[in-house]
């Protein structure tokens, strides 16, 4: 049993009073644990766990299984017992917890003052752990179930957040590159995900909260990782995809691919780069429309609106020259006034030109990064 810090000692309490306080703490912790476990089913109890090396070793210690096979081979037993359903196993384990609690409580309540004073653990000089009496140890362990009740509550909260039962993948935005502005819900989920997918730049922002595996997203492995999401969500793993900015602005194609493959996406929005681009261009949201370099075909259709279109960059999207050439080839006039904005999340720079200039000049060699934008002023400057 894991030891925990003892409750604050009161020198005026007698051994009997400390004994009663430990019983009260034990009762409160057990009640909290039973409440936390109320209604738990297999979708919560068996999903989203990450095994440590020790847990793997325990899993591989199969002495009882080998012994059972030996007994079948020798004729001592006919066959293995039937497999229990997971819900039955949960109910049986809750019953075992209840029985052990009653046993522990009966033990504590029946101890005499002399027994309470018996030595229970020796002093351990390696970690400066003190020698404890039986009463000291009981006080430390009486809150064990209460502590883990809080853990169960948090785990069930994250199962619900990841919506594992509905087989959903969470796609979250990290905002404009400032770790301090990453939504708290996203931070908490990153710490509990089984693995996190994102571009190298995105993972560098999220890394401080990730406690599991990072899977860098590149053009050559995008389909592979989306397929992995499909497999793993069926197995109940908690998977996250993260983007800089807002996913619906910065990665609309990826968002659609994941949703098409999984069927359900839990989207956590974040402040994106669209409003930053408009601020740098001196435009009002009422006079502009948000577009994406991943969907340049839509920009041609938006050009007839007479409003400006802020085309946002994306990971691995090539250069703005490539995008400008595509737009001109699709019928957007080369004379369209254009603002090329780079480094939106740091020190923005704005270059005013025509779309044709971006397509032919060195200015267009700028990487169409996720924190950059090309603002097309279809209504003129």
Protein backbone atom coordinates (compact mmCIF):
# COMPACT_ATOMS: atom_id res chain seq x y z
CA UNK A 1 0.00 0.00 0.00
CA UNK A 2 1.37 3.41 -0.94
CA UNK A 3 2.18 5.72 1.93
CA UNK A 4 0.98 9.31 1.87
CA UNK A 5 1.79 12.31 3.96
CA UNK A 6 0.13 12.05 7.37
CA UNK A 7 -2.59 14.46 8.43
CA UNK A 8 -1.36 17.37 10.50
CA UNK A 9 -0.39 16.10 13.93
CA UNK A 10 -2.02 17.56 16.99
CA UNK A 11 0.08 16.98 20.05
CA UNK A 12 -3.03 17.26 22.21
CA UNK A 13 -4.74 14.27 20.57
CA UNK A 14 -4.64 10.95 22.35
CA UNK A 15 -3.90 7.70 20.54
CA UNK A 16 -7.60 6.84 20.65
CA UNK A 17 -8.50 10.22 19.09
CA UNK A 18 -5.88 9.75 16.36
CA UNK A 19 -7.28 6.27 15.79
CA UNK A 20 -10.80 7.68 15.35
CA UNK A 21 -9.49 10.40 13.03
CA UNK A 22 -7.82 7.75 10.85
CA UNK A 23 -11.10 5.81 10.74
CA UNK A 24 -12.97 8.96 9.72
CA UNK A 25 -10.41 9.69 7.01
CA UNK A 26 -10.61 6.09 5.80
CA UNK A 27 -14.42 6.24 5.67
CA UNK A 28 -14.40 9.54 3.79
CA UNK A 29 -11.83 8.30 1.29
CA UNK A 30 -13.67 5.06 0.67
CA UNK A 31 -16.96 6.89 0.18
CA UNK A 32 -15.26 9.21 -2.33
CA UNK A 33 -13.77 6.24 -4.18
CA UNK A 34 -17.11 4.40 -4.40
CA UNK A 35 -18.78 7.60 -5.62
CA UNK A 36 -16.03 8.10 -8.21
CA UNK A 37 -16.47 4.53 -9.46
CA UNK A 38 -20.25 4.71 -9.58
CA UNK A 39 -21.52 3.67 -13.00
CA UNK A 40 -18.06 3.18 -14.49
CA UNK A 41 -18.16 0.89 -17.51
CA UNK A 42 -15.64 -0.68 -19.81
CA UNK A 43 -15.52 2.38 -22.09
CA UNK A 44 -13.97 4.31 -19.20
CA UNK A 45 -12.20 1.61 -17.23
CA UNK A 46 -10.23 0.00 -20.05
CA UNK A 47 -9.59 2.86 -22.49
CA UNK A 48 -6.91 5.48 -22.63
CA UNK A 49 -4.39 3.80 -20.36
CA UNK A 50 -0.65 4.09 -21.01
CA UNK A 51 1.46 1.22 -19.70
CA UNK A 52 4.70 1.77 -17.90
CA UNK A 53 7.55 -0.72 -18.26
CA UNK A 54 6.68 -2.13 -14.84
CA UNK A 55 3.06 -2.65 -15.87
CA UNK A 56 4.22 -4.50 -18.97
CA UNK A 57 6.42 -6.72 -16.79
CA UNK A 58 3.47 -7.47 -14.50
CA UNK A 59 1.38 -8.32 -17.53
CA UNK A 60 4.01 -10.80 -18.68
CA UNK A 61 4.27 -12.58 -15.32
CA UNK A 62 1.97 -15.47 -16.22
CA UNK A 63 2.82 -18.06 -13.58
CA UNK A 64 -0.85 -18.71 -12.77
CA UNK A 65 -1.67 -19.23 -16.43
CA UNK A 66 1.21 -21.68 -16.90
CA UNK A 67 0.21 -23.52 -13.72
CA UNK A 68 -3.36 -23.81 -14.98
CA UNK A 69 -2.13 -25.31 -18.26
CA UNK A 70 0.04 -27.77 -16.34
CA UNK A 71 -3.02 -28.82 -14.29
CA UNK A 72 -5.07 -29.33 -17.47
CA UNK A 73 -2.26 -31.42 -18.96
CA UNK A 74 -1.98 -33.55 -15.81
CA UNK A 75 -5.73 -34.04 -15.47
CA UNK A 76 -6.04 -32.04 -12.24
CA UNK A 77 -8.56 -29.72 -13.91
CA UNK A 78 -10.70 -30.01 -17.01
CA UNK A 79 -10.31 -26.58 -18.57
CA UNK A 80 -9.81 -22.91 -17.85
CA UNK A 81 -12.72 -21.06 -16.22
CA UNK A 82 -15.01 -19.09 -18.56
CA UNK A 83 -13.96 -15.57 -19.42
CA UNK A 84 -15.85 -12.85 -17.57
CA UNK A 85 -17.28 -9.90 -19.41
CA UNK A 86 -15.46 -6.68 -18.67
CA UNK A 87 -18.47 -5.19 -16.91
CA UNK A 88 -18.56 -8.29 -14.67
CA UNK A 89 -14.88 -7.84 -13.87
CA UNK A 90 -15.46 -4.20 -12.90
CA UNK A 91 -18.32 -5.17 -10.59
CA UNK A 92 -16.20 -7.93 -9.04
CA UNK A 93 -13.28 -5.55 -8.47
CA UNK A 94 -15.55 -2.96 -6.83
CA UNK A 95 -16.84 -5.72 -4.55
CA UNK A 96 -13.25 -6.66 -3.68
CA UNK A 97 -12.48 -3.03 -2.85
CA UNK A 98 -15.50 -2.93 -0.56
CA UNK A 99 -14.51 -6.18 1.18
CA UNK A 100 -10.93 -4.99 1.69
CA UNK A 101 -12.15 -1.66 3.05
CA UNK A 102 -14.37 -3.43 5.60
CA UNK A 103 -11.48 -5.69 6.57
CA UNK A 104 -9.09 -2.74 6.98
CA UNK A 105 -11.63 -0.74 8.93
CA UNK A 106 -12.36 -3.62 11.29
CA UNK A 107 -8.64 -4.04 11.86
CA UNK A 108 -8.13 -0.35 12.72
CA UNK A 109 -11.20 -0.16 14.96
CA UNK A 110 -10.13 -3.23 16.94
CA UNK A 111 -6.55 -2.22 17.71
CA UNK A 112 -5.70 -1.62 21.34
CA UNK A 113 -3.51 1.28 22.51
CA UNK A 114 -0.64 -1.14 22.97
CA UNK A 115 -1.06 -2.48 19.43
CA UNK A 116 -1.26 1.04 17.99
CA UNK A 117 2.15 1.74 19.50
CA UNK A 118 3.80 -1.31 17.89
CA UNK A 119 6.65 -0.53 15.46
CA UNK A 120 5.55 -1.05 11.82
CA UNK A 121 8.35 0.23 9.56
CA UNK A 122 12.06 0.74 10.24
CA UNK A 123 13.91 3.94 9.50
CA UNK A 124 15.16 3.98 5.90
CA UNK A 125 18.35 6.07 5.64
CA UNK A 126 18.36 5.90 1.82
CA UNK A 127 15.35 8.19 1.47
CA UNK A 128 15.17 9.50 5.03
CA UNK A 129 11.84 7.71 5.56
CA UNK A 130 11.08 7.71 9.30
CA UNK A 131 10.42 4.74 11.51
CA UNK A 132 6.65 4.48 11.99
CA UNK A 133 4.42 2.95 14.59
CA UNK A 134 1.31 1.05 13.54
CA UNK A 135 -0.77 4.14 14.33
CA UNK A 136 1.57 6.37 12.30
CA UNK A 137 1.31 4.05 9.29
CA UNK A 138 -2.48 3.80 9.58
CA UNK A 139 -2.77 7.57 9.63
CA UNK A 140 -0.65 7.84 6.50
CA UNK A 141 -2.56 5.19 4.58
CA UNK A 142 -6.09 6.00 5.70
CA UNK A 143 -6.36 8.63 2.95
CA UNK A 144 -5.10 6.32 0.19
CA UNK A 145 -8.50 5.61 -1.35
CA UNK A 146 -9.52 9.26 -1.10
CA UNK A 147 -6.45 10.34 -3.07
CA UNK A 148 -7.13 7.81 -5.81
CA UNK A 149 -10.82 8.71 -5.86
CA UNK A 150 -9.75 12.11 -7.20
CA UNK A 151 -7.60 10.33 -9.78
CA UNK A 152 -10.61 8.27 -10.92
CA UNK A 153 -12.73 11.42 -11.22
CA UNK A 154 -10.06 13.11 -13.37
CA UNK A 155 -9.59 10.04 -15.57
CA UNK A 156 -13.32 9.75 -16.19
CA UNK A 157 -13.44 13.45 -17.00
CA UNK A 158 -10.79 13.03 -19.68
CA UNK A 159 -12.46 9.92 -21.09
CA UNK A 160 -15.58 12.02 -21.54
CA UNK A 161 -13.56 14.88 -23.01
CA UNK A 162 -11.91 12.64 -25.57
CA UNK A 163 -15.28 11.01 -26.22
CA UNK A 164 -13.64 7.61 -26.64
CA UNK A 165 -17.01 5.88 -26.52
CA UNK A 166 -18.08 7.82 -29.61
CA UNK A 167 -14.77 7.07 -31.34
CA UNK A 168 -13.81 10.71 -31.78
CA UNK A 169 -10.43 12.30 -32.41
CA UNK A 170 -9.71 15.64 -30.78
CA UNK A 171 -8.29 18.30 -33.10
CA UNK A 172 -7.07 21.30 -31.14
CA UNK A 173 -5.64 24.68 -32.03
CA UNK A 174 -2.67 26.09 -30.12
CA UNK A 175 -3.27 29.70 -31.06
CA UNK A 176 -0.73 32.12 -32.45
CA UNK A 177 2.44 30.48 -31.15
CA UNK A 178 2.45 31.87 -27.61
CA UNK A 179 2.42 28.94 -25.15
CA UNK A 180 0.81 31.16 -22.50
CA UNK A 181 -2.23 31.59 -24.78
CA UNK A 182 -2.86 27.88 -25.41
CA UNK A 183 -6.37 27.08 -24.09
CA UNK A 184 -6.37 25.33 -20.71
CA UNK A 185 -8.61 22.54 -22.02
CA UNK A 186 -6.05 21.80 -24.72
CA UNK A 187 -3.20 21.74 -22.20
CA UNK A 188 -5.02 19.24 -20.00
CA UNK A 189 -5.84 16.99 -22.93
CA UNK A 190 -2.28 17.06 -24.24
CA UNK A 191 -1.09 15.76 -20.87
CA UNK A 192 -3.48 12.80 -21.08
CA UNK A 193 -3.37 11.86 -24.76
CA UNK A 194 -1.83 8.52 -25.76
CA UNK A 195 -0.11 10.29 -28.63
CA UNK A 196 -0.14 13.69 -30.31
CA UNK A 197 0.12 14.41 -34.05
CA UNK A 198 1.28 17.76 -35.38
CA UNK A 199 3.85 19.53 -37.50
CA UNK A 200 7.32 19.90 -35.94
CA UNK A 201 6.66 23.60 -35.30
CA UNK A 202 3.33 22.81 -33.65
CA UNK A 203 4.79 20.05 -31.48
CA UNK A 204 7.54 22.41 -30.30
CA UNK A 205 4.82 24.63 -28.79
CA UNK A 206 2.82 21.73 -27.34
CA UNK A 207 5.80 19.75 -26.02
CA UNK A 208 5.75 21.24 -22.53
CA UNK A 209 2.38 19.55 -21.87
CA UNK A 210 2.80 16.30 -23.81
CA UNK A 211 3.44 13.27 -21.60
CA UNK A 212 3.27 10.61 -24.31
CA UNK A 213 4.40 9.98 -27.89
CA UNK A 214 4.86 12.75 -30.45
CA UNK A 215 4.20 11.90 -34.10
CA UNK A 216 5.54 14.61 -36.46
CA UNK A 217 3.20 15.29 -39.37
CA UNK A 218 4.81 15.62 -42.81
CA UNK A 219 3.43 15.55 -46.36
CA UNK A 220 4.84 12.06 -46.92
CA UNK A 221 3.22 10.48 -43.84
CA UNK A 222 -0.09 12.35 -43.66
CA UNK A 223 -2.19 9.51 -45.10
CA UNK A 224 -0.39 6.99 -42.90
CA UNK A 225 -1.10 8.95 -39.73
CA UNK A 226 -4.76 9.48 -40.62
CA UNK A 227 -5.06 5.71 -41.16
CA UNK A 228 -3.40 5.15 -37.80
CA UNK A 229 -5.99 7.41 -36.17
CA UNK A 230 -8.72 5.20 -37.59
CA UNK A 231 -7.14 2.02 -36.21
CA UNK A 232 -6.27 3.42 -32.82
CA UNK A 233 -9.59 5.13 -32.14
CA UNK A 234 -11.22 1.72 -32.59
CA UNK A 235 -8.84 0.37 -29.98
CA UNK A 236 -9.88 3.10 -27.57
CA UNK A 237 -6.69 5.16 -27.60
CA UNK A 238 -6.87 8.87 -26.93
CA UNK A 239 -5.47 10.58 -30.01
CA UNK A 240 -4.92 14.28 -30.58
CA UNK A 241 -4.10 16.33 -33.64
CA UNK A 242 -2.79 19.83 -32.99
CA UNK A 243 -2.24 22.82 -35.26
CA UNK A 244 -0.98 26.32 -34.83
CA UNK A 245 -3.68 28.95 -35.13
CA UNK A 246 -7.25 27.67 -35.41
CA UNK A 247 -7.59 24.26 -37.11
CA UNK A 248 -10.51 25.36 -39.28
CA UNK A 249 -8.38 28.23 -40.64
CA UNK A 250 -4.86 26.77 -40.63
CA UNK A 251 -5.58 23.17 -41.63
CA UNK A 252 -9.05 22.85 -43.20
CA UNK A 253 -8.01 19.99 -45.50
CA UNK A 254 -6.47 17.99 -42.65
CA UNK A 255 -9.56 18.63 -40.54
CA UNK A 256 -11.78 17.33 -43.33
CA UNK A 257 -9.56 14.28 -43.89
CA UNK A 258 -9.69 13.31 -40.23
CA UNK A 259 -13.45 13.86 -40.03
CA UNK A 260 -14.04 11.84 -43.20
CA UNK A 261 -11.92 8.97 -41.87
CA UNK A 262 -13.23 8.93 -38.28
CA UNK A 263 -16.74 10.32 -38.66
CA UNK A 264 -16.59 12.42 -35.50
CA UNK A 265 -14.10 15.15 -34.62
CA UNK A 266 -14.02 16.99 -31.31
CA UNK A 267 -12.75 20.43 -32.31
CA UNK A 268 -11.15 22.82 -29.84
CA UNK A 269 -10.82 26.23 -31.51
CA UNK A 270 -8.17 28.80 -30.70
CA UNK A 271 -7.31 32.34 -31.81
CA UNK A 272 -6.03 32.06 -35.39
CA UNK A 273 -4.04 34.26 -37.74
CA UNK A 274 -6.94 35.70 -39.74
CA UNK A 275 -7.57 38.67 -37.46
CA UNK A 276 -3.84 39.32 -37.15
CA UNK A 277 -3.55 39.42 -40.94
CA UNK A 278 -6.44 41.88 -41.19
CA UNK A 279 -4.89 44.12 -38.54
CA UNK A 280 -1.59 44.21 -40.44
CA UNK A 281 -3.42 44.99 -43.67
CA UNK A 282 -5.55 47.67 -42.01
CA UNK A 283 -8.79 45.91 -42.90
CA UNK A 284 -12.04 45.40 -41.02
CA UNK A 285 -13.54 41.90 -40.73
CA UNK A 286 -16.63 43.37 -42.40
CA UNK A 287 -14.65 44.10 -45.55
CA UNK A 288 -12.77 40.80 -45.82
CA UNK A 289 -13.23 37.03 -46.07
CA UNK A 290 -10.98 34.29 -44.71
CA UNK A 291 -9.46 31.88 -47.22
CA UNK A 292 -6.79 29.17 -47.11
CA UNK A 293 -3.84 28.31 -49.30
CA UNK A 294 -5.07 24.72 -49.09
CA UNK A 295 -8.19 25.79 -50.98
CA UNK A 296 -7.06 28.24 -53.62
CA UNK A 297 -9.94 27.17 -55.86
CA UNK A 298 -12.35 28.83 -53.44
CA UNK A 299 -10.47 32.13 -53.72
CA UNK A 300 -11.36 32.43 -57.40
CA UNK A 301 -15.03 32.16 -56.50
CA UNK A 302 -14.64 34.70 -53.68
CA UNK A 303 -13.01 37.25 -55.99
CA UNK A 304 -16.40 38.30 -57.38
CA UNK A 305 -17.57 39.46 -53.93
CA UNK A 306 -15.66 42.71 -54.15
CA UNK A 307 -14.28 42.09 -50.65
CA UNK A 308 -10.68 41.42 -49.69
CA UNK A 309 -9.67 37.80 -49.18
CA UNK A 310 -7.03 36.92 -46.57
CA UNK A 311 -5.46 33.69 -47.79
CA UNK A 312 -3.79 32.05 -44.78
CA UNK A 313 -0.68 29.89 -45.06
CA UNK A 314 -0.41 26.28 -43.92
CA UNK A 315 2.24 23.73 -43.03
CA UNK A 316 4.16 22.36 -46.03
CA UNK A 317 2.24 24.59 -48.46
CA UNK A 318 5.14 25.64 -50.68
CA UNK A 319 5.82 29.31 -51.46
CA UNK A 320 3.55 32.27 -52.00
CA UNK A 321 4.90 32.48 -55.55
CA UNK A 322 3.45 29.02 -56.23
CA UNK A 323 0.12 30.15 -54.78
CA UNK A 324 0.14 33.38 -56.83
CA UNK A 325 0.89 31.49 -60.05
CA UNK A 326 -2.01 29.13 -59.32
CA UNK A 327 -4.39 32.04 -58.68
CA UNK A 328 -3.37 33.85 -61.87
CA UNK A 329 -3.73 30.63 -63.87
CA UNK A 330 -7.25 30.18 -62.44
CA UNK A 331 -8.36 33.60 -63.65
CA UNK A 332 -7.60 35.99 -60.81
CA UNK A 333 -6.28 39.21 -62.42
CA UNK A 334 -2.52 39.63 -62.07
CA UNK A 335 -3.09 43.33 -61.33
CA UNK A 336 -5.02 42.56 -58.12
CA UNK A 337 -3.48 44.65 -55.28
CA UNK A 338 -1.90 42.31 -52.76
CA UNK A 339 -0.31 42.44 -49.30
CA UNK A 340 2.13 39.66 -48.47
CA UNK A 341 2.39 39.36 -44.67
CA UNK A 342 5.01 37.19 -42.94
CA UNK A 343 5.85 36.33 -39.31
CA UNK A 344 2.40 37.09 -37.95
CA UNK A 345 3.20 35.48 -34.61
CA UNK A 346 6.44 37.39 -34.06
CA UNK A 347 7.48 40.55 -35.91
CA UNK A 348 5.11 40.93 -38.86
CA UNK A 349 6.36 42.36 -42.14
CA UNK A 350 4.07 43.60 -44.91
CA UNK A 351 5.01 43.83 -48.59
CA UNK A 352 2.55 45.62 -50.87
CA UNK A 353 2.54 44.50 -54.51
CA UNK A 354 0.28 43.13 -57.21
CA UNK A 355 -0.56 39.45 -57.49
CA UNK A 356 1.54 39.32 -60.66
CA UNK A 357 4.52 40.75 -58.76
CA UNK A 358 4.22 38.05 -56.12
CA UNK A 359 4.10 35.45 -58.89
CA UNK A 360 7.20 36.76 -60.63
CA UNK A 361 9.39 38.65 -58.14
CA UNK A 362 11.72 37.41 -55.43
CA UNK A 363 9.13 38.53 -52.86
CA UNK A 364 7.04 35.51 -53.76
CA UNK A 365 9.79 33.11 -52.74
CA UNK A 366 8.62 33.59 -49.15
CA UNK A 367 7.55 30.33 -47.54
CA UNK A 368 3.76 30.13 -47.22
CA UNK A 369 4.08 29.27 -43.54
CA UNK A 370 1.17 28.84 -41.19
CA UNK A 371 1.81 32.28 -39.66
CA UNK A 372 1.79 34.15 -42.99
CA UNK A 373 -0.95 35.42 -45.28
CA UNK A 374 -1.61 36.81 -48.74
CA UNK A 375 -4.30 39.49 -48.68
CA UNK A 376 -5.98 40.06 -52.04
CA UNK A 377 -7.77 43.42 -52.25
CA UNK A 378 -10.41 42.73 -54.85
CA UNK A 379 -12.08 46.04 -54.05
CA UNK A 380 -8.80 47.95 -54.58
CA UNK A 381 -6.67 49.72 -52.02
